[in-house]
Amino acid sequence: MKTRWIKTTAEAANELNVQMPWERGARRASMIARRSQAMSQLNLLSA
């Protein structure tokens, strides 16, 4: 009984496909770059 629970738990964990925060590096960096570019343009317009 215990091995069946472990087996089904391992199978469920293998099927789970969640993207961890550290895996989003390039997408997050591009978003930060766009935001900082927009902020610098706003600062130029308001100065």
PDB file of N, CA and C in Angstrom:
ATOM      1  N   MET A   1       0.828  -1.194   0.000  1.00  0.00           N
ATOM      2  CA  MET A   1       0.000   0.000   0.000  1.00  0.00           C
ATOM      3  C   MET A   1       0.868   1.252   0.000  1.00  0.00           C
ATOM      4  N   LYS A   2       1.917   1.247   0.797  1.00  0.00           N
ATOM      5  CA  LYS A   2       2.760   2.422   0.887  1.00  0.00           C
ATOM      6  C   LYS A   2       3.508   2.668  -0.426  1.00  0.00           C
ATOM      7  N   THR A   3       3.953   1.622  -1.096  1.00  0.00           N
ATOM      8  CA  THR A   3       4.687   1.804  -2.349  1.00  0.00           C
ATOM      9  C   THR A   3       3.778   2.330  -3.446  1.00  0.00           C
ATOM     10  N   ARG A   4       2.500   1.952  -3.426  1.00  0.00           N
ATOM     11  CA  ARG A   4       1.566   2.457  -4.424  1.00  0.00           C
ATOM     12  C   ARG A   4       1.383   3.964  -4.258  1.00  0.00           C
ATOM     13  N   TRP A   5       1.299   4.435  -3.022  1.00  0.00           N
ATOM     14  CA  TRP A   5       1.165   5.865  -2.748  1.00  0.00           C
ATOM     15  C   TRP A   5       2.404   6.621  -3.218  1.00  0.00           C
ATOM     16  N   ILE A   6       3.566   6.071  -2.952  1.00  0.00           N
ATOM     17  CA  ILE A   6       4.809   6.716  -3.378  1.00  0.00           C
ATOM     18  C   ILE A   6       4.890   6.755  -4.898  1.00  0.00           C
ATOM     19  N   LYS A   7       4.487   5.691  -5.551  1.00  0.00           N
ATOM     20  CA  LYS A   7       4.539   5.632  -7.011  1.00  0.00           C
ATOM     21  C   LYS A   7       3.589   6.650  -7.633  1.00  0.00           C
ATOM     22  N   THR A   8       2.368   6.736  -7.123  1.00  0.00           N
ATOM     23  CA  THR A   8       1.421   7.696  -7.693  1.00  0.00           C
ATOM     24  C   THR A   8       1.835   9.135  -7.388  1.00  0.00           C
ATOM     25  N   THR A   9       2.444   9.343  -6.232  1.00  0.00           N
ATOM     26  CA  THR A   9       2.933  10.684  -5.902  1.00  0.00           C
ATOM     27  C   THR A   9       4.071  11.079  -6.826  1.00  0.00           C
ATOM     28  N   ALA A  10       4.980  10.167  -7.110  1.00  0.00           N
ATOM     29  CA  ALA A  10       6.092  10.448  -8.019  1.00  0.00           C
ATOM     30  C   ALA A  10       5.579  10.712  -9.430  1.00  0.00           C
ATOM     31  N   GLU A  11       4.591   9.964  -9.887  1.00  0.00           N
ATOM     32  CA  GLU A  11       4.024  10.189 -11.212  1.00  0.00           C
ATOM     33  C   GLU A  11       3.338  11.551 -11.294  1.00  0.00           C
ATOM     34  N   ALA A  12       2.619  11.921 -10.253  1.00  0.00           N
ATOM     35  CA  ALA A  12       1.950  13.225 -10.240  1.00  0.00           C
ATOM     36  C   ALA A  12       2.981  14.352 -10.243  1.00  0.00           C
ATOM     37  N   ALA A  13       4.074  14.179  -9.520  1.00  0.00           N
ATOM     38  CA  ALA A  13       5.122  15.201  -9.487  1.00  0.00           C
ATOM     39  C   ALA A  13       5.793  15.333 -10.844  1.00  0.00           C
ATOM     40  N   ASN A  14       5.952  14.250 -11.562  1.00  0.00           N
ATOM     41  CA  ASN A  14       6.563  14.301 -12.889  1.00  0.00           C
ATOM     42  C   ASN A  14       5.656  14.984 -13.905  1.00  0.00           C
ATOM     43  N   GLU A  15       4.346  14.866 -13.721  1.00  0.00           N
ATOM     44  CA  GLU A  15       3.401  15.497 -14.639  1.00  0.00           C
ATOM     45  C   GLU A  15       3.278  16.994 -14.387  1.00  0.00           C
ATOM     46  N   LEU A  16       3.593  17.440 -13.192  1.00  0.00           N
ATOM     47  CA  LEU A  16       3.473  18.845 -12.829  1.00  0.00           C
ATOM     48  C   LEU A  16       4.528  19.655 -13.560  1.00  0.00           C
ATOM     49  N   ASN A  17       4.099  20.686 -14.279  1.00  0.00           N
ATOM     50  CA  ASN A  17       5.022  21.493 -15.061  1.00  0.00           C
ATOM     51  C   ASN A  17       4.828  22.964 -14.686  1.00  0.00           C
ATOM     52  N   VAL A  18       5.482  23.369 -13.605  1.00  0.00           N
ATOM     53  CA  VAL A  18       5.379  24.734 -13.113  1.00  0.00           C
ATOM     54  C   VAL A  18       6.687  25.441 -13.416  1.00  0.00           C
ATOM     55  N   GLN A  19       6.585  26.651 -13.922  1.00  0.00           N
ATOM     56  CA  GLN A  19       7.784  27.415 -14.233  1.00  0.00           C
ATOM     57  C   GLN A  19       8.228  28.157 -12.977  1.00  0.00           C
ATOM     58  N   MET A  20       9.436  27.871 -12.543  1.00  0.00           N
ATOM     59  CA  MET A  20       9.974  28.508 -11.350  1.00  0.00           C
ATOM     60  C   MET A  20      10.466  29.920 -11.674  1.00  0.00           C
ATOM     61  N   PRO A  21      10.486  30.801 -10.683  1.00  0.00           N
ATOM     62  CA  PRO A  21      10.889  32.187 -10.947  1.00  0.00           C
ATOM     63  C   PRO A  21      12.270  32.318 -11.562  1.00  0.00           C
ATOM     64  N   TRP A  22      13.208  31.470 -11.188  1.00  0.00           N
ATOM     65  CA  TRP A  22      14.555  31.582 -11.740  1.00  0.00           C
ATOM     66  C   TRP A  22      14.646  31.075 -13.168  1.00  0.00           C
ATOM     67  N   GLU A  23      13.601  30.430 -13.679  1.00  0.00           N
ATOM     68  CA  GLU A  23      13.580  29.977 -15.059  1.00  0.00           C
ATOM     69  C   GLU A  23      13.072  31.065 -16.006  1.00  0.00           C
ATOM     70  N   ARG A  24      12.561  32.172 -15.461  1.00  0.00           N
ATOM     71  CA  ARG A  24      11.987  33.230 -16.287  1.00  0.00           C
ATOM     72  C   ARG A  24      12.989  34.332 -16.577  1.00  0.00           C
ATOM     73  N   GLY A  25      14.261  34.051 -16.507  1.00  0.00           N
ATOM     74  CA  GLY A  25      15.301  35.066 -16.582  1.00  0.00           C
ATOM     75  C   GLY A  25      15.209  35.999 -17.778  1.00  0.00           C
ATOM     76  N   ALA A  26      15.173  35.486 -18.986  1.00  0.00           N
ATOM     77  CA  ALA A  26      15.193  36.323 -20.186  1.00  0.00           C
ATOM     78  C   ALA A  26      13.915  37.137 -20.312  1.00  0.00           C
ATOM     79  N   ARG A  27      12.778  36.517 -20.051  1.00  0.00           N
ATOM     80  CA  ARG A  27      11.501  37.230 -20.165  1.00  0.00           C
ATOM     81  C   ARG A  27      11.420  38.341 -19.120  1.00  0.00           C
ATOM     82  N   ARG A  28      11.879  38.055 -17.909  1.00  0.00           N
ATOM     83  CA  ARG A  28      11.846  39.063 -16.845  1.00  0.00           C
ATOM     84  C   ARG A  28      12.809  40.201 -17.150  1.00  0.00           C
ATOM     85  N   ALA A  29      13.990  39.874 -17.663  1.00  0.00           N
ATOM     86  CA  ALA A  29      14.970  40.911 -17.994  1.00  0.00           C
ATOM     87  C   ALA A  29      14.451  41.827 -19.093  1.00  0.00           C
ATOM     88  N   SER A  30      13.771  41.280 -20.089  1.00  0.00           N
ATOM     89  CA  SER A  30      13.238  42.117 -21.162  1.00  0.00           C
ATOM     90  C   SER A  30      12.119  43.017 -20.639  1.00  0.00           C
ATOM     91  N   MET A  31      11.313  42.511 -19.715  1.00  0.00           N
ATOM     92  CA  MET A  31      10.254  43.331 -19.131  1.00  0.00           C
ATOM     93  C   MET A  31      10.852  44.476 -18.318  1.00  0.00           C
ATOM     94  N   ILE A  32      11.892  44.208 -17.557  1.00  0.00           N
ATOM     95  CA  ILE A  32      12.550  45.246 -16.764  1.00  0.00           C
ATOM     96  C   ILE A  32      13.192  46.281 -17.679  1.00  0.00           C
ATOM     97  N   ALA A  33      13.792  45.838 -18.775  1.00  0.00           N
ATOM     98  CA  ALA A  33      14.409  46.764 -19.722  1.00  0.00           C
ATOM     99  C   ALA A  33      13.355  47.680 -20.355  1.00  0.00           C
ATOM    100  N   ARG A  34      12.201  47.120 -20.732  1.00  0.00           N
ATOM    101  CA  ARG A  34      11.130  47.945 -21.297  1.00  0.00           C
ATOM    102  C   ARG A  34      10.639  48.967 -20.283  1.00  0.00           C
ATOM    103  N   ARG A  35      10.489  48.532 -19.040  1.00  0.00           N
ATOM    104  CA  ARG A  35      10.002  49.440 -18.002  1.00  0.00           C
ATOM    105  C   ARG A  35      11.007  50.562 -17.743  1.00  0.00           C
ATOM    106  N   SER A  36      12.287  50.235 -17.666  1.00  0.00           N
ATOM    107  CA  SER A  36      13.284  51.272 -17.398  1.00  0.00           C
ATOM    108  C   SER A  36      13.411  52.226 -18.588  1.00  0.00           C
ATOM    109  N   GLN A  37      13.239  51.721 -19.813  1.00  0.00           N
ATOM    110  CA  GLN A  37      13.278  52.584 -20.987  1.00  0.00           C
ATOM    111  C   GLN A  37      12.093  53.557 -20.963  1.00  0.00           C
ATOM    112  N   ALA A  38      10.928  53.067 -20.615  1.00  0.00           N
ATOM    113  CA  ALA A  38       9.750  53.926 -20.539  1.00  0.00           C
ATOM    114  C   ALA A  38       9.925  54.980 -19.451  1.00  0.00           C
ATOM    115  N   MET A  39      10.503  54.587 -18.328  1.00  0.00           N
ATOM    116  CA  MET A  39      10.721  55.552 -17.246  1.00  0.00           C
ATOM    117  C   MET A  39      11.738  56.608 -17.646  1.00  0.00           C
ATOM    118  N   SER A  40      12.787  56.230 -18.376  1.00  0.00           N
ATOM    119  CA  SER A  40      13.782  57.217 -18.789  1.00  0.00           C
ATOM    120  C   SER A  40      13.173  58.199 -19.803  1.00  0.00           C
ATOM    121  N   GLN A  41      12.300  57.710 -20.667  1.00  0.00           N
ATOM    122  CA  GLN A  41      11.630  58.602 -21.614  1.00  0.00           C
ATOM    123  C   GLN A  41      10.705  59.571 -20.885  1.00  0.00           C
ATOM    124  N   LEU A  42      10.015  59.080 -19.851  1.00  0.00           N
ATOM    125  CA  LEU A  42       9.157  59.960 -19.064  1.00  0.00           C
ATOM    126  C   LEU A  42       9.987  61.025 -18.349  1.00  0.00           C
ATOM    127  N   ASN A  43      11.145  60.633 -17.835  1.00  0.00           N
ATOM    128  CA  ASN A  43      11.993  61.593 -17.146  1.00  0.00           C
ATOM    129  C   ASN A  43      12.518  62.648 -18.106  1.00  0.00           C
ATOM    130  N   LEU A  44      12.806  62.269 -19.344  1.00  0.00           N
ATOM    131  CA  LEU A  44      13.261  63.245 -20.331  1.00  0.00           C
ATOM    132  C   LEU A  44      12.158  64.233 -20.668  1.00  0.00           C
ATOM    133  N   LEU A  45      10.931  63.745 -20.762  1.00  0.00           N
ATOM    134  CA  LEU A  45       9.812  64.623 -21.106  1.00  0.00           C
ATOM    135  C   LEU A  45       9.473  65.575 -19.952  1.00  0.00           C
ATOM    136  N   SER A  46       9.624  65.113 -18.736  1.00  0.00           N
ATOM    137  CA  SER A  46       9.235  65.954 -17.606  1.00  0.00           C
ATOM    138  C   SER A  46      10.340  66.893 -17.147  1.00  0.00           C
ATOM    139  N   ALA A  47      11.573  66.681 -17.611  1.00  0.00           N
ATOM    140  CA  ALA A  47      12.692  67.519 -17.166  1.00  0.00           C
ATOM    141  C   ALA A  47      12.760  68.824 -17.909  1.00  0.00           C
TER     142      ALA A  47
END
